[in-house]
Amino acid sequence: MSKRELITRELDRMQEQDLDLLLAFLRSLKEAHGETSVSTLAAESSLAKDWLTPEEDAAWARL
């Protein structure tokens, strides 16, 4: 049985008031991942110019 199927089964057993809490949690989780993805991509592209250098490679080569 897939995780989605297991989750669906649990949802069918939950009380309506708990579904409100679950929905709020799922939305906050979605927002947290969305914000992380955007900021991570922005940071990666801006820092790449400093990271992708022969000097940086040499500094990390001995670790």
N, C-alpha and C. Protein backbone atom coordinates (compact mmCIF):
# COMPACT_ATOMS: atom_id res chain seq x y z
N MET A 1 0.85 -1.18 0.00
CA MET A 1 0.00 0.00 0.00
C MET A 1 0.89 1.24 0.00
N SER A 2 0.55 2.21 -0.82
CA SER A 2 1.37 3.42 -0.94
C SER A 2 1.14 4.36 0.25
N LYS A 3 2.03 5.29 0.41
CA LYS A 3 1.90 6.27 1.49
C LYS A 3 0.64 7.11 1.30
N ARG A 4 0.35 7.45 0.06
CA ARG A 4 -0.87 8.23 -0.21
C ARG A 4 -2.12 7.46 0.21
N GLU A 5 -2.13 6.17 -0.05
CA GLU A 5 -3.27 5.36 0.34
C GLU A 5 -3.40 5.28 1.86
N LEU A 6 -2.27 5.13 2.53
CA LEU A 6 -2.29 5.11 4.00
C LEU A 6 -2.80 6.43 4.57
N ILE A 7 -2.34 7.53 3.98
CA ILE A 7 -2.78 8.85 4.43
C ILE A 7 -4.27 9.02 4.19
N THR A 8 -4.74 8.59 3.04
CA THR A 8 -6.16 8.68 2.72
C THR A 8 -7.00 7.91 3.73
N ARG A 9 -6.55 6.75 4.10
CA ARG A 9 -7.28 5.96 5.12
C ARG A 9 -7.35 6.71 6.44
N GLU A 10 -6.24 7.29 6.84
CA GLU A 10 -6.22 8.04 8.10
C GLU A 10 -7.13 9.26 8.01
N LEU A 11 -7.13 9.94 6.87
CA LEU A 11 -7.99 11.11 6.69
C LEU A 11 -9.46 10.74 6.85
N ASP A 12 -9.83 9.59 6.34
CA ASP A 12 -11.22 9.14 6.44
C ASP A 12 -11.64 8.91 7.89
N ARG A 13 -10.70 8.68 8.76
CA ARG A 13 -11.00 8.41 10.18
C ARG A 13 -10.95 9.65 11.06
N MET A 14 -10.45 10.75 10.53
CA MET A 14 -10.25 11.94 11.36
C MET A 14 -11.53 12.74 11.53
N GLN A 15 -11.61 13.41 12.67
CA GLN A 15 -12.73 14.31 12.93
C GLN A 15 -12.52 15.61 12.17
N GLU A 16 -13.61 16.29 11.88
CA GLU A 16 -13.55 17.52 11.08
C GLU A 16 -12.65 18.57 11.70
N GLN A 17 -12.70 18.73 13.02
CA GLN A 17 -11.87 19.74 13.68
C GLN A 17 -10.39 19.42 13.53
N ASP A 18 -10.04 18.17 13.50
CA ASP A 18 -8.64 17.78 13.29
C ASP A 18 -8.22 18.01 11.85
N LEU A 19 -9.15 17.91 10.95
CA LEU A 19 -8.84 18.18 9.55
C LEU A 19 -8.46 19.64 9.35
N ASP A 20 -9.08 20.54 10.10
CA ASP A 20 -8.72 21.95 10.02
C ASP A 20 -7.26 22.16 10.45
N LEU A 21 -6.87 21.50 11.52
CA LEU A 21 -5.48 21.59 11.99
C LEU A 21 -4.51 20.99 10.98
N LEU A 22 -4.90 19.86 10.43
CA LEU A 22 -4.06 19.20 9.45
C LEU A 22 -3.89 20.07 8.20
N LEU A 23 -4.97 20.68 7.76
CA LEU A 23 -4.90 21.54 6.59
C LEU A 23 -3.97 22.73 6.84
N ALA A 24 -4.05 23.32 8.01
CA ALA A 24 -3.17 24.43 8.36
C ALA A 24 -1.71 23.97 8.37
N PHE A 25 -1.47 22.79 8.92
CA PHE A 25 -0.11 22.25 8.94
C PHE A 25 0.41 22.01 7.53
N LEU A 26 -0.41 21.39 6.69
CA LEU A 26 0.02 21.10 5.32
C LEU A 26 0.34 22.38 4.55
N ARG A 27 -0.48 23.40 4.75
CA ARG A 27 -0.22 24.68 4.07
C ARG A 27 1.08 25.32 4.57
N SER A 28 1.33 25.24 5.88
CA SER A 28 2.57 25.82 6.40
C SER A 28 3.78 25.03 5.91
N LEU A 29 3.63 23.73 5.80
CA LEU A 29 4.72 22.90 5.28
C LEU A 29 5.02 23.24 3.82
N LYS A 30 3.97 23.41 3.05
CA LYS A 30 4.12 23.77 1.64
C LYS A 30 4.81 25.13 1.51
N GLU A 31 4.39 26.10 2.30
CA GLU A 31 5.01 27.43 2.26
C GLU A 31 6.47 27.38 2.68
N ALA A 32 6.76 26.61 3.70
CA ALA A 32 8.14 26.51 4.18
C ALA A 32 9.05 25.93 3.11
N HIS A 33 8.59 24.91 2.41
CA HIS A 33 9.40 24.32 1.35
C HIS A 33 9.52 25.25 0.17
N GLY A 34 8.47 25.97 -0.14
CA GLY A 34 8.50 26.92 -1.25
C GLY A 34 9.48 28.03 -1.00
N GLU A 35 9.46 28.60 0.20
CA GLU A 35 10.38 29.68 0.54
C GLU A 35 11.81 29.20 0.55
N THR A 36 12.04 28.02 1.06
CA THR A 36 13.38 27.46 1.11
C THR A 36 13.92 27.25 -0.29
N SER A 37 13.10 26.72 -1.16
CA SER A 37 13.55 26.45 -2.51
C SER A 37 13.97 27.72 -3.23
N VAL A 38 13.17 28.77 -3.10
CA VAL A 38 13.48 30.02 -3.77
C VAL A 38 14.74 30.64 -3.20
N SER A 39 14.85 30.71 -1.88
CA SER A 39 16.03 31.34 -1.29
C SER A 39 17.29 30.52 -1.53
N THR A 40 17.16 29.20 -1.54
CA THR A 40 18.31 28.36 -1.81
C THR A 40 18.81 28.57 -3.24
N LEU A 41 17.91 28.60 -4.17
CA LEU A 41 18.31 28.82 -5.56
C LEU A 41 18.94 30.19 -5.75
N ALA A 42 18.38 31.20 -5.11
CA ALA A 42 18.94 32.55 -5.22
C ALA A 42 20.34 32.61 -4.62
N ALA A 43 20.52 32.00 -3.46
CA ALA A 43 21.82 32.01 -2.81
C ALA A 43 22.83 31.22 -3.62
N GLU A 44 22.41 30.09 -4.15
CA GLU A 44 23.33 29.25 -4.92
C GLU A 44 23.87 29.98 -6.13
N SER A 45 23.00 30.65 -6.86
CA SER A 45 23.47 31.33 -8.06
C SER A 45 24.34 32.53 -7.73
N SER A 46 24.04 33.24 -6.65
CA SER A 46 24.85 34.40 -6.30
C SER A 46 26.20 34.02 -5.71
N LEU A 47 26.27 32.89 -5.02
CA LEU A 47 27.53 32.46 -4.42
C LEU A 47 28.39 31.61 -5.35
N ALA A 48 27.81 31.12 -6.41
CA ALA A 48 28.55 30.25 -7.33
C ALA A 48 29.78 30.92 -7.88
N LYS A 49 29.70 32.22 -8.12
CA LYS A 49 30.87 32.93 -8.67
C LYS A 49 32.08 32.87 -7.74
N ASP A 50 31.82 32.79 -6.41
CA ASP A 50 32.90 32.68 -5.45
C ASP A 50 33.31 31.24 -5.20
N TRP A 51 32.36 30.32 -5.33
CA TRP A 51 32.64 28.92 -5.04
C TRP A 51 33.33 28.20 -6.18
N LEU A 52 33.00 28.54 -7.38
CA LEU A 52 33.50 27.80 -8.54
C LEU A 52 34.77 28.43 -9.08
N THR A 53 35.79 28.40 -8.26
CA THR A 53 37.10 28.95 -8.66
C THR A 53 38.18 27.91 -8.38
N PRO A 54 39.28 27.99 -9.12
CA PRO A 54 40.39 27.06 -8.85
C PRO A 54 40.93 27.21 -7.42
N GLU A 55 40.93 28.43 -6.90
CA GLU A 55 41.42 28.66 -5.54
C GLU A 55 40.54 27.95 -4.51
N GLU A 56 39.25 28.01 -4.72
CA GLU A 56 38.32 27.35 -3.81
C GLU A 56 38.48 25.83 -3.89
N ASP A 57 38.64 25.31 -5.09
CA ASP A 57 38.86 23.87 -5.27
C ASP A 57 40.13 23.42 -4.56
N ALA A 58 41.19 24.22 -4.67
CA ALA A 58 42.46 23.88 -4.03
C ALA A 58 42.32 23.89 -2.51
N ALA A 59 41.57 24.85 -1.99
CA ALA A 59 41.40 24.97 -0.54
C ALA A 59 40.66 23.73 0.02
N TRP A 60 39.73 23.17 -0.73
CA TRP A 60 38.94 22.05 -0.25
C TRP A 60 39.55 20.70 -0.63
N ALA A 61 40.54 20.69 -1.46
CA ALA A 61 41.10 19.44 -1.97
C ALA A 61 41.70 18.57 -0.87
N ARG A 62 42.21 19.18 0.19
CA ARG A 62 42.88 18.43 1.24
C ARG A 62 41.94 17.94 2.33
N LEU A 63 40.68 18.26 2.24
CA LEU A 63 39.74 17.86 3.31
C LEU A 63 39.13 16.52 3.05
